[in-house]
């Protein structure tokens, strides 16, 4: 046997260990539901970021989507190319910045988002239902961490 260099005798004493276990359980549920819609979780994240930003901005760019989703620009670019191939988004030249492309949902993309968001939100509701009255506390704690890290 070797000495394991952790201060925890039991892995379940580690917040990081439990956080990643819970994340994987939640993510598994998300992937299963989104697969039925022929969407990956990263594609869903990018589509929802685009949909969210579109309600407040005339022009939504790849950089804006990357910042909002906290996904690097090159990964966003790759995902957008795949979404464009699937006719879920379109990219056109910006009227205000010739270096930028404006990203928009197509009608098909909007319909898919209209179907996917309620499914994902119901998974969240079901998954976190065991917390009942602590859900808002958890949301606020997660928000505190996100704000501290500059990602909210």
C-alpha atoms as a PDB file:
ATOM      1  CA  UNK A   1       0.000   0.000   0.000  1.00  0.00           C
ATOM      2  CA  UNK A   2       1.070   3.559  -0.594  1.00  0.00           C
ATOM      3  CA  UNK A   3       0.429   6.715   1.379  1.00  0.00           C
ATOM      4  CA  UNK A   4      -2.193   8.845  -0.375  1.00  0.00           C
ATOM      5  CA  UNK A   5      -1.316  12.529   0.206  1.00  0.00           C
ATOM      6  CA  UNK A   6      -4.806  13.828   1.036  1.00  0.00           C
ATOM      7  CA  UNK A   7      -5.934  15.400   4.262  1.00  0.00           C
ATOM      8  CA  UNK A   8      -9.207  13.488   3.896  1.00  0.00           C
ATOM      9  CA  UNK A   9      -9.533   9.931   5.168  1.00  0.00           C
ATOM     10  CA  UNK A  10     -12.763   9.511   3.217  1.00  0.00           C
ATOM     11  CA  UNK A  11     -13.199  10.910  -0.301  1.00  0.00           C
ATOM     12  CA  UNK A  12     -16.704  12.061   0.641  1.00  0.00           C
ATOM     13  CA  UNK A  13     -15.167  14.657   2.962  1.00  0.00           C
ATOM     14  CA  UNK A  14     -13.770  16.496  -0.089  1.00  0.00           C
ATOM     15  CA  UNK A  15     -16.038  19.220  -1.525  1.00  0.00           C
ATOM     16  CA  UNK A  16     -14.209  19.024  -4.869  1.00  0.00           C
ATOM     17  CA  UNK A  17     -14.695  15.261  -5.107  1.00  0.00           C
ATOM     18  CA  UNK A  18     -18.409  15.525  -4.296  1.00  0.00           C
ATOM     19  CA  UNK A  19     -18.856  18.495  -6.631  1.00  0.00           C
ATOM     20  CA  UNK A  20     -17.407  16.600  -9.594  1.00  0.00           C
ATOM     21  CA  UNK A  21     -19.448  13.468  -8.771  1.00  0.00           C
ATOM     22  CA  UNK A  22     -22.659  15.499  -8.666  1.00  0.00           C
ATOM     23  CA  UNK A  23     -21.678  17.356 -11.839  1.00  0.00           C
ATOM     24  CA  UNK A  24     -21.160  14.047 -13.673  1.00  0.00           C
ATOM     25  CA  UNK A  25     -24.555  12.755 -12.526  1.00  0.00           C
ATOM     26  CA  UNK A  26     -26.244  15.965 -13.673  1.00  0.00           C
ATOM     27  CA  UNK A  27     -24.289  16.006 -16.937  1.00  0.00           C
ATOM     28  CA  UNK A  28     -25.242  12.396 -17.692  1.00  0.00           C
ATOM     29  CA  UNK A  29     -28.924  13.329 -17.437  1.00  0.00           C
ATOM     30  CA  UNK A  30     -28.379  16.373 -19.673  1.00  0.00           C
ATOM     31  CA  UNK A  31     -26.510  14.399 -22.323  1.00  0.00           C
ATOM     32  CA  UNK A  32     -29.223  11.717 -22.438  1.00  0.00           C
ATOM     33  CA  UNK A  33     -32.014  14.253 -22.890  1.00  0.00           C
ATOM     34  CA  UNK A  34     -30.152  16.371 -25.441  1.00  0.00           C
ATOM     35  CA  UNK A  35     -29.126  13.309 -27.451  1.00  0.00           C
ATOM     36  CA  UNK A  36     -32.837  12.733 -28.178  1.00  0.00           C
ATOM     37  CA  UNK A  37     -32.840  16.190 -29.785  1.00  0.00           C
ATOM     38  CA  UNK A  38     -29.629  15.424 -31.700  1.00  0.00           C
ATOM     39  CA  UNK A  39     -27.731  18.051 -29.679  1.00  0.00           C
ATOM     40  CA  UNK A  40     -24.556  17.797 -27.658  1.00  0.00           C
ATOM     41  CA  UNK A  41     -24.339  19.628 -24.353  1.00  0.00           C
ATOM     42  CA  UNK A  42     -21.739  22.113 -25.714  1.00  0.00           C
ATOM     43  CA  UNK A  43     -24.019  22.825 -28.691  1.00  0.00           C
ATOM     44  CA  UNK A  44     -26.897  23.453 -26.306  1.00  0.00           C
ATOM     45  CA  UNK A  45     -24.752  25.838 -24.242  1.00  0.00           C
ATOM     46  CA  UNK A  46     -23.803  27.829 -27.347  1.00  0.00           C
ATOM     47  CA  UNK A  47     -27.368  27.876 -28.700  1.00  0.00           C
ATOM     48  CA  UNK A  48     -28.777  29.048 -25.370  1.00  0.00           C
ATOM     49  CA  UNK A  49     -26.091  31.724 -25.051  1.00  0.00           C
ATOM     50  CA  UNK A  50     -26.983  32.932 -28.540  1.00  0.00           C
ATOM     51  CA  UNK A  51     -30.704  32.884 -27.755  1.00  0.00           C
ATOM     52  CA  UNK A  52     -30.201  34.711 -24.459  1.00  0.00           C
ATOM     53  CA  UNK A  53     -27.922  37.374 -25.942  1.00  0.00           C
ATOM     54  CA  UNK A  54     -30.206  37.859 -28.959  1.00  0.00           C
ATOM     55  CA  UNK A  55     -33.008  39.146 -26.765  1.00  0.00           C
ATOM     56  CA  UNK A  56     -30.806  42.088 -25.690  1.00  0.00           C
ATOM     57  CA  UNK A  57     -28.564  42.747 -28.720  1.00  0.00           C
ATOM     58  CA  UNK A  58     -29.197  43.546 -32.379  1.00  0.00           C
ATOM     59  CA  UNK A  59     -25.946  41.857 -33.323  1.00  0.00           C
ATOM     60  CA  UNK A  60     -24.519  38.879 -31.445  1.00  0.00           C
ATOM     61  CA  UNK A  61     -20.923  37.949 -32.266  1.00  0.00           C
ATOM     62  CA  UNK A  62     -18.867  34.843 -31.682  1.00  0.00           C
ATOM     63  CA  UNK A  63     -16.804  36.724 -29.076  1.00  0.00           C
ATOM     64  CA  UNK A  64     -19.955  37.711 -27.179  1.00  0.00           C
ATOM     65  CA  UNK A  65     -21.110  34.086 -27.166  1.00  0.00           C
ATOM     66  CA  UNK A  66     -17.688  32.928 -25.953  1.00  0.00           C
ATOM     67  CA  UNK A  67     -17.706  35.419 -23.078  1.00  0.00           C
ATOM     68  CA  UNK A  68     -21.263  34.620 -22.046  1.00  0.00           C
ATOM     69  CA  UNK A  69     -20.815  30.841 -22.193  1.00  0.00           C
ATOM     70  CA  UNK A  70     -17.281  30.893 -20.759  1.00  0.00           C
ATOM     71  CA  UNK A  71     -16.104  28.752 -23.682  1.00  0.00           C
ATOM     72  CA  UNK A  72     -12.949  29.707 -25.592  1.00  0.00           C
ATOM     73  CA  UNK A  73     -13.431  31.459 -28.932  1.00  0.00           C
ATOM     74  CA  UNK A  74     -11.917  28.670 -31.051  1.00  0.00           C
ATOM     75  CA  UNK A  75     -14.196  26.049 -29.497  1.00  0.00           C
ATOM     76  CA  UNK A  76     -17.193  28.333 -30.018  1.00  0.00           C
ATOM     77  CA  UNK A  77     -16.132  28.748 -33.654  1.00  0.00           C
ATOM     78  CA  UNK A  78     -16.031  24.989 -34.183  1.00  0.00           C
ATOM     79  CA  UNK A  79     -19.414  24.488 -32.531  1.00  0.00           C
ATOM     80  CA  UNK A  80     -20.936  27.327 -34.568  1.00  0.00           C
ATOM     81  CA  UNK A  81     -19.671  25.746 -37.804  1.00  0.00           C
ATOM     82  CA  UNK A  82     -21.415  22.497 -36.872  1.00  0.00           C
ATOM     83  CA  UNK A  83     -24.605  24.323 -35.897  1.00  0.00           C
ATOM     84  CA  UNK A  84     -24.493  26.189 -39.217  1.00  0.00           C
ATOM     85  CA  UNK A  85     -24.122  22.896 -41.111  1.00  0.00           C
ATOM     86  CA  UNK A  86     -27.237  21.708 -39.282  1.00  0.00           C
ATOM     87  CA  UNK A  87     -29.093  24.889 -40.341  1.00  0.00           C
ATOM     88  CA  UNK A  88     -29.580  25.923 -36.702  1.00  0.00           C
ATOM     89  CA  UNK A  89     -27.683  29.217 -36.965  1.00  0.00           C
ATOM     90  CA  UNK A  90     -26.557  31.612 -39.662  1.00  0.00           C
ATOM     91  CA  UNK A  91     -23.533  33.885 -39.793  1.00  0.00           C
ATOM     92  CA  UNK A  92     -23.488  37.126 -41.725  1.00  0.00           C
ATOM     93  CA  UNK A  93     -21.182  40.126 -41.951  1.00  0.00           C
ATOM     94  CA  UNK A  94     -21.630  42.714 -39.222  1.00  0.00           C
ATOM     95  CA  UNK A  95     -22.988  46.098 -40.244  1.00  0.00           C
ATOM     96  CA  UNK A  96     -20.978  47.834 -37.517  1.00  0.00           C
ATOM     97  CA  UNK A  97     -17.696  45.865 -37.486  1.00  0.00           C
ATOM     98  CA  UNK A  98     -16.412  44.412 -40.753  1.00  0.00           C
ATOM     99  CA  UNK A  99     -14.090  42.034 -38.854  1.00  0.00           C
ATOM    100  CA  UNK A 100     -17.011  40.374 -37.058  1.00  0.00           C
ATOM    101  CA  UNK A 101     -19.673  37.932 -38.088  1.00  0.00           C
ATOM    102  CA  UNK A 102     -23.152  38.273 -36.662  1.00  0.00           C
ATOM    103  CA  UNK A 103     -24.562  34.985 -35.420  1.00  0.00           C
ATOM    104  CA  UNK A 104     -28.320  34.427 -35.559  1.00  0.00           C
ATOM    105  CA  UNK A 105     -30.672  31.579 -34.845  1.00  0.00           C
ATOM    106  CA  UNK A 106     -32.466  30.213 -37.874  1.00  0.00           C
ATOM    107  CA  UNK A 107     -36.154  29.346 -37.591  1.00  0.00           C
ATOM    108  CA  UNK A 108     -35.121  25.714 -37.157  1.00  0.00           C
ATOM    109  CA  UNK A 109     -32.626  26.724 -34.446  1.00  0.00           C
ATOM    110  CA  UNK A 110     -35.265  28.792 -32.638  1.00  0.00           C
ATOM    111  CA  UNK A 111     -37.694  25.871 -32.715  1.00  0.00           C
ATOM    112  CA  UNK A 112     -35.058  23.510 -31.345  1.00  0.00           C
ATOM    113  CA  UNK A 113     -34.173  25.967 -28.586  1.00  0.00           C
ATOM    114  CA  UNK A 114     -37.878  26.363 -27.749  1.00  0.00           C
ATOM    115  CA  UNK A 115     -38.035  22.589 -27.326  1.00  0.00           C
ATOM    116  CA  UNK A 116     -34.704  22.068 -25.560  1.00  0.00           C
ATOM    117  CA  UNK A 117     -34.784  24.802 -22.893  1.00  0.00           C
ATOM    118  CA  UNK A 118     -37.905  23.529 -21.092  1.00  0.00           C
ATOM    119  CA  UNK A 119     -36.496  19.990 -21.139  1.00  0.00           C
ATOM    120  CA  UNK A 120     -33.195  21.129 -19.627  1.00  0.00           C
ATOM    121  CA  UNK A 121     -34.938  23.293 -17.052  1.00  0.00           C
ATOM    122  CA  UNK A 122     -37.152  20.361 -16.030  1.00  0.00           C
ATOM    123  CA  UNK A 123     -34.055  18.179 -15.615  1.00  0.00           C
ATOM    124  CA  UNK A 124     -32.547  20.858 -13.368  1.00  0.00           C
ATOM    125  CA  UNK A 125     -35.765  21.045 -11.380  1.00  0.00           C
ATOM    126  CA  UNK A 126     -35.965  17.277 -10.975  1.00  0.00           C
ATOM    127  CA  UNK A 127     -32.252  16.772 -10.317  1.00  0.00           C
ATOM    128  CA  UNK A 128     -32.086  19.405  -7.597  1.00  0.00           C
ATOM    129  CA  UNK A 129     -35.509  18.590  -6.118  1.00  0.00           C
ATOM    130  CA  UNK A 130     -33.906  16.647  -3.267  1.00  0.00           C
ATOM    131  CA  UNK A 131     -32.657  19.982  -1.935  1.00  0.00           C
ATOM    132  CA  UNK A 132     -36.159  21.476  -1.794  1.00  0.00           C
ATOM    133  CA  UNK A 133     -35.848  24.663   0.289  1.00  0.00           C
ATOM    134  CA  UNK A 134     -32.031  24.770  -0.039  1.00  0.00           C
ATOM    135  CA  UNK A 135     -32.078  25.281  -3.820  1.00  0.00           C
ATOM    136  CA  UNK A 136     -31.973  29.062  -3.563  1.00  0.00           C
ATOM    137  CA  UNK A 137     -29.113  28.834  -1.050  1.00  0.00           C
ATOM    138  CA  UNK A 138     -27.178  26.624  -3.479  1.00  0.00           C
ATOM    139  CA  UNK A 139     -27.852  29.031  -6.351  1.00  0.00           C
ATOM    140  CA  UNK A 140     -26.569  31.946  -4.295  1.00  0.00           C
ATOM    141  CA  UNK A 141     -23.459  30.027  -3.191  1.00  0.00           C
ATOM    142  CA  UNK A 142     -22.667  29.062  -6.790  1.00  0.00           C
ATOM    143  CA  UNK A 143     -23.234  32.658  -7.881  1.00  0.00           C
ATOM    144  CA  UNK A 144     -20.846  33.857  -5.179  1.00  0.00           C
ATOM    145  CA  UNK A 145     -18.129  31.525  -6.502  1.00  0.00           C
ATOM    146  CA  UNK A 146     -18.799  32.545 -10.104  1.00  0.00           C
ATOM    147  CA  UNK A 147     -18.617  36.241  -9.237  1.00  0.00           C
ATOM    148  CA  UNK A 148     -15.393  35.753  -7.278  1.00  0.00           C
ATOM    149  CA  UNK A 149     -13.880  34.013 -10.304  1.00  0.00           C
ATOM    150  CA  UNK A 150     -15.211  36.716 -12.650  1.00  0.00           C
ATOM    151  CA  UNK A 151     -17.450  34.321 -14.566  1.00  0.00           C
ATOM    152  CA  UNK A 152     -20.960  35.487 -13.809  1.00  0.00           C
END
